[in-house]
N, C-alpha and C. Protein backbone atom coordinates (compact mmCIF):
# COMPACT_ATOMS: atom_id res chain seq x y z
N MET A 1 -81.90 35.08 2.86
CA MET A 1 -80.49 35.19 2.32
C MET A 1 -79.79 34.14 3.26
N GLU A 2 -79.30 34.28 4.40
CA GLU A 2 -79.09 32.82 5.25
C GLU A 2 -79.05 31.40 3.91
N ILE A 3 -79.50 30.94 3.86
CA ILE A 3 -79.81 30.14 2.97
C ILE A 3 -78.64 29.90 1.39
N ILE A 4 -78.47 31.39 0.95
CA ILE A 4 -77.69 31.73 -0.25
C ILE A 4 -76.33 31.40 0.36
N ASN A 5 -76.32 32.15 1.53
CA ASN A 5 -75.15 32.14 2.26
C ASN A 5 -74.72 30.42 2.04
N HIS A 6 -75.38 30.03 3.20
CA HIS A 6 -75.09 28.78 3.45
C HIS A 6 -74.66 27.82 2.73
N TYR A 7 -75.24 27.65 1.59
CA TYR A 7 -75.23 26.89 0.37
C TYR A 7 -75.18 27.20 -0.56
N SER A 8 -74.54 28.24 -1.27
CA SER A 8 -73.58 29.13 -1.99
C SER A 8 -73.13 28.54 -3.05
N MET A 9 -72.14 27.62 -3.04
CA MET A 9 -71.62 26.80 -3.68
C MET A 9 -72.45 25.52 -3.60
N ALA A 10 -73.20 24.82 -3.62
CA ALA A 10 -74.45 23.96 -4.28
C ALA A 10 -75.30 24.52 -5.20
N ILE A 11 -75.33 25.87 -4.81
CA ILE A 11 -76.33 26.20 -6.23
C ILE A 11 -75.74 26.91 -7.21
N SER A 12 -74.46 27.36 -6.77
CA SER A 12 -73.34 27.61 -8.30
C SER A 12 -73.57 26.66 -8.99
N GLY A 13 -72.97 25.10 -8.59
CA GLY A 13 -73.53 24.03 -8.80
C GLY A 13 -74.09 23.85 -9.76
N VAL A 14 -75.65 23.67 -9.02
CA VAL A 14 -76.56 23.39 -10.40
C VAL A 14 -76.75 24.33 -11.23
N PHE A 15 -76.15 25.72 -11.15
CA PHE A 15 -76.77 26.81 -11.96
C PHE A 15 -75.38 26.03 -13.20
N ILE A 16 -74.33 26.01 -12.90
CA ILE A 16 -73.25 25.18 -13.96
C ILE A 16 -73.48 24.41 -14.51
N TRP A 17 -73.97 23.09 -13.88
CA TRP A 17 -74.39 22.65 -14.00
C TRP A 17 -75.95 22.56 -15.41
N GLY A 18 -76.94 23.17 -14.64
CA GLY A 18 -78.19 23.47 -15.32
C GLY A 18 -77.57 24.34 -16.91
N LEU A 19 -76.64 24.75 -17.26
CA LEU A 19 -76.35 26.07 -17.96
C LEU A 19 -75.46 25.24 -18.99
N LEU A 20 -74.17 24.09 -18.64
CA LEU A 20 -74.47 23.43 -19.42
C LEU A 20 -74.61 22.24 -20.22
N ALA A 21 -75.90 22.09 -19.19
CA ALA A 21 -77.58 20.64 -19.90
C ALA A 21 -77.59 21.50 -21.10
N PHE A 22 -78.18 22.97 -20.99
CA PHE A 22 -78.91 23.41 -21.85
C PHE A 22 -77.96 23.85 -23.56
N THR A 23 -76.76 24.50 -22.73
CA THR A 23 -75.91 24.18 -24.33
C THR A 23 -75.81 23.22 -24.61
N LEU A 24 -75.89 21.71 -24.18
CA LEU A 24 -75.23 20.42 -24.46
C LEU A 24 -76.56 20.16 -25.68
N LEU A 25 -77.60 20.34 -25.14
CA LEU A 25 -78.97 19.86 -25.75
C LEU A 25 -79.60 20.83 -26.21
N ARG A 26 -79.54 21.45 -26.65
CA ARG A 26 -80.01 22.72 -27.28
C ARG A 26 -80.52 21.79 -28.65
N GLY A 27 -79.17 21.25 -29.34
CA GLY A 27 -79.27 20.61 -30.67
C GLY A 27 -79.72 19.00 -30.59
N GLY A 28 -80.24 18.41 -29.09
CA GLY A 28 -80.82 17.32 -29.18
C GLY A 28 -79.55 16.39 -28.52
N TYR A 29 -80.43 14.74 -28.41
CA TYR A 29 -79.40 14.39 -27.21
C TYR A 29 -78.95 13.83 -28.19
N GLU A 30 -77.42 13.42 -27.42
CA GLU A 30 -76.62 12.47 -28.39
C GLU A 30 -75.91 12.05 -27.32
N PRO A 31 -75.96 10.86 -27.22
CA PRO A 31 -74.94 9.43 -25.83
C PRO A 31 -74.01 10.57 -25.36
N LYS A 32 -72.85 11.13 -26.35
CA LYS A 32 -72.27 11.91 -25.72
C LYS A 32 -72.18 12.88 -24.71
N ASP A 33 -73.19 13.47 -25.06
CA ASP A 33 -73.75 14.77 -24.29
C ASP A 33 -74.28 14.06 -22.98
N GLY A 34 -75.16 12.81 -22.96
CA GLY A 34 -74.92 12.60 -21.45
C GLY A 34 -73.69 12.09 -20.97
N ALA A 35 -73.04 11.30 -21.02
CA ALA A 35 -71.55 11.34 -20.89
C ALA A 35 -70.92 12.26 -20.30
N ILE A 36 -70.94 13.44 -20.58
CA ILE A 36 -70.09 14.06 -20.01
C ILE A 36 -71.33 15.30 -19.25
N LEU A 37 -72.43 15.00 -19.37
CA LEU A 37 -73.44 16.10 -17.86
C LEU A 37 -72.65 15.09 -16.92
N LEU A 38 -73.25 13.36 -17.08
CA LEU A 38 -73.11 12.83 -15.86
C LEU A 38 -71.23 13.02 -15.11
N LEU A 39 -70.09 12.85 -16.00
CA LEU A 39 -69.43 13.44 -15.36
C LEU A 39 -68.97 14.63 -14.76
N ALA A 40 -69.69 15.84 -15.29
CA ALA A 40 -69.74 17.22 -15.23
C ALA A 40 -69.98 16.80 -13.75
N ALA A 41 -71.65 16.23 -13.61
CA ALA A 41 -71.81 16.06 -12.43
C ALA A 41 -71.76 15.18 -11.32
N ALA A 42 -71.08 14.29 -11.51
CA ALA A 42 -70.39 13.56 -10.26
C ALA A 42 -69.09 14.75 -10.01
N ALA A 43 -68.36 15.21 -11.19
CA ALA A 43 -67.22 16.41 -10.68
C ALA A 43 -67.69 17.59 -9.63
N LEU A 44 -68.82 18.38 -9.97
CA LEU A 44 -69.48 18.67 -9.07
C LEU A 44 -69.67 18.54 -7.69
N ILE A 45 -70.26 17.61 -7.38
CA ILE A 45 -70.44 16.25 -6.29
C ILE A 45 -69.17 16.25 -5.75
N GLY A 46 -68.35 15.62 -6.59
CA GLY A 46 -67.20 15.46 -5.45
C GLY A 46 -66.01 16.34 -5.21
N GLY A 47 -66.25 17.47 -5.83
CA GLY A 47 -65.53 18.95 -5.67
C GLY A 47 -66.88 19.98 -4.15
N TRP A 48 -68.03 19.30 -4.20
CA TRP A 48 -68.78 19.58 -3.07
C TRP A 48 -68.20 19.18 -1.56
N LEU A 49 -68.10 17.17 -1.83
CA LEU A 49 -67.97 16.58 -1.19
C LEU A 49 -66.36 16.56 -0.49
N LEU A 50 -65.48 17.27 -1.32
CA LEU A 50 -63.79 17.42 -1.13
C LEU A 50 -63.91 18.95 0.07
N LEU A 51 -64.90 20.33 -0.99
CA LEU A 51 -64.73 21.39 0.03
C LEU A 51 -65.98 21.80 1.12
N ARG A 52 -66.62 21.10 0.67
CA ARG A 52 -67.60 21.25 2.26
C ARG A 52 -67.38 21.92 3.22
N PRO A 53 -67.69 22.45 4.24
CA PRO A 53 -66.85 22.73 5.33
C PRO A 53 -67.60 22.04 7.03
N GLN A 54 -66.40 21.24 7.17
CA GLN A 54 -66.97 20.08 8.54
C GLN A 54 -66.14 20.99 9.83
N ARG A 55 -67.49 20.38 10.53
CA ARG A 55 -66.52 20.27 12.36
C ARG A 55 -64.77 19.71 12.45
N GLY A 56 -63.95 20.61 12.64
CA GLY A 56 -62.87 20.77 12.78
C GLY A 56 -62.98 19.35 14.27
N SER A 57 -61.56 18.85 14.38
CA SER A 57 -61.86 18.60 15.57
C SER A 57 -60.67 18.85 17.15
N THR A 58 -60.75 18.56 17.76
CA THR A 58 -60.61 19.19 18.82
C THR A 58 -59.22 17.78 19.87
N ASP A 59 -58.55 17.01 18.49
CA ASP A 59 -57.16 16.22 19.29
C ASP A 59 -56.09 17.34 19.77
N GLY A 60 -55.61 18.43 19.02
CA GLY A 60 -54.58 19.32 19.15
C GLY A 60 -54.69 19.89 19.89
N LEU A 61 -56.08 20.29 20.48
CA LEU A 61 -55.95 21.54 21.74
C LEU A 61 -55.33 21.68 22.64
N GLY A 62 -54.87 20.76 23.07
CA GLY A 62 -54.02 20.03 24.10
C GLY A 62 -52.63 20.91 24.07
N GLN A 63 -52.21 20.11 22.69
CA GLN A 63 -50.96 20.83 22.35
C GLN A 63 -51.02 22.38 22.33
N PHE A 64 -52.05 22.33 21.73
CA PHE A 64 -52.18 23.86 21.55
C PHE A 64 -51.74 24.89 23.34
N GLU A 65 -52.77 24.33 24.41
CA GLU A 65 -53.17 25.23 25.04
C GLU A 65 -51.90 24.79 25.75
N SER A 66 -51.09 23.46 25.84
CA SER A 66 -49.64 24.30 26.42
C SER A 66 -48.14 24.95 25.77
N GLU A 67 -48.57 24.95 24.73
CA GLU A 67 -48.27 25.76 24.13
C GLU A 67 -48.24 27.38 24.01
N LEU A 68 -49.65 27.19 24.05
CA LEU A 68 -50.24 28.77 24.56
C LEU A 68 -49.55 29.60 25.80
N GLY A 69 -49.25 30.88 25.68
CA GLY A 69 -48.26 31.29 27.54
C GLY A 69 -46.94 31.29 27.71
N GLN A 70 -45.77 30.21 26.74
CA GLN A 70 -45.06 29.97 27.40
C GLN A 70 -43.62 30.62 26.86
N GLY A 71 -44.39 32.09 26.69
CA GLY A 71 -43.34 32.91 25.92
C GLY A 71 -43.00 33.26 24.32
N ARG A 72 -43.99 32.67 23.49
CA ARG A 72 -43.40 32.51 22.25
C ARG A 72 -44.75 32.89 21.05
N ALA A 73 -44.53 33.85 20.59
CA ALA A 73 -45.91 34.29 19.73
C ALA A 73 -46.61 33.09 18.89
N VAL A 74 -48.00 33.22 19.25
CA VAL A 74 -48.87 31.80 18.78
C VAL A 74 -49.66 32.94 17.19
N LEU A 75 -49.84 32.43 16.56
CA LEU A 75 -50.65 32.84 15.15
C LEU A 75 -51.94 32.20 15.69
N LEU A 76 -52.90 32.57 15.81
CA LEU A 76 -53.67 32.33 16.31
C LEU A 76 -55.16 32.64 14.98
N GLU A 77 -55.50 31.45 14.00
CA GLU A 77 -56.50 31.17 13.55
C GLU A 77 -58.34 30.91 13.53
N MET A 78 -59.11 31.49 13.81
CA MET A 78 -60.20 31.36 13.38
C MET A 78 -61.37 30.71 12.32
N GLN A 79 -61.93 29.92 12.28
CA GLN A 79 -62.45 30.16 10.76
C GLN A 79 -63.52 29.27 11.39
N SER A 80 -64.91 29.35 10.82
CA SER A 80 -65.81 29.51 10.44
C SER A 80 -66.32 28.46 9.72
N PRO A 81 -67.60 27.03 10.41
CA PRO A 81 -67.93 26.01 9.31
C PRO A 81 -68.51 26.78 8.17
N PHE A 82 -69.28 28.00 7.97
CA PHE A 82 -69.70 28.77 7.11
C PHE A 82 -68.75 30.06 6.44
């Protein structure tokens, strides 16, 4: 179940692309169908590359630590990369 959680976007993309391929190719192959499938694959892969979780940087850690405890309220948001 953990693998489904970690790769749900990739699994969904493959499912959506497969459904699109089935819909386009059930009447036979035409060059425009191939172009649509290539564009859809590029859009799905590009979306995954833009939206995938990545490890954050620690560049702003010193600034955060200097502001913490200065008598001001600090909103701390922690996010998991998965």
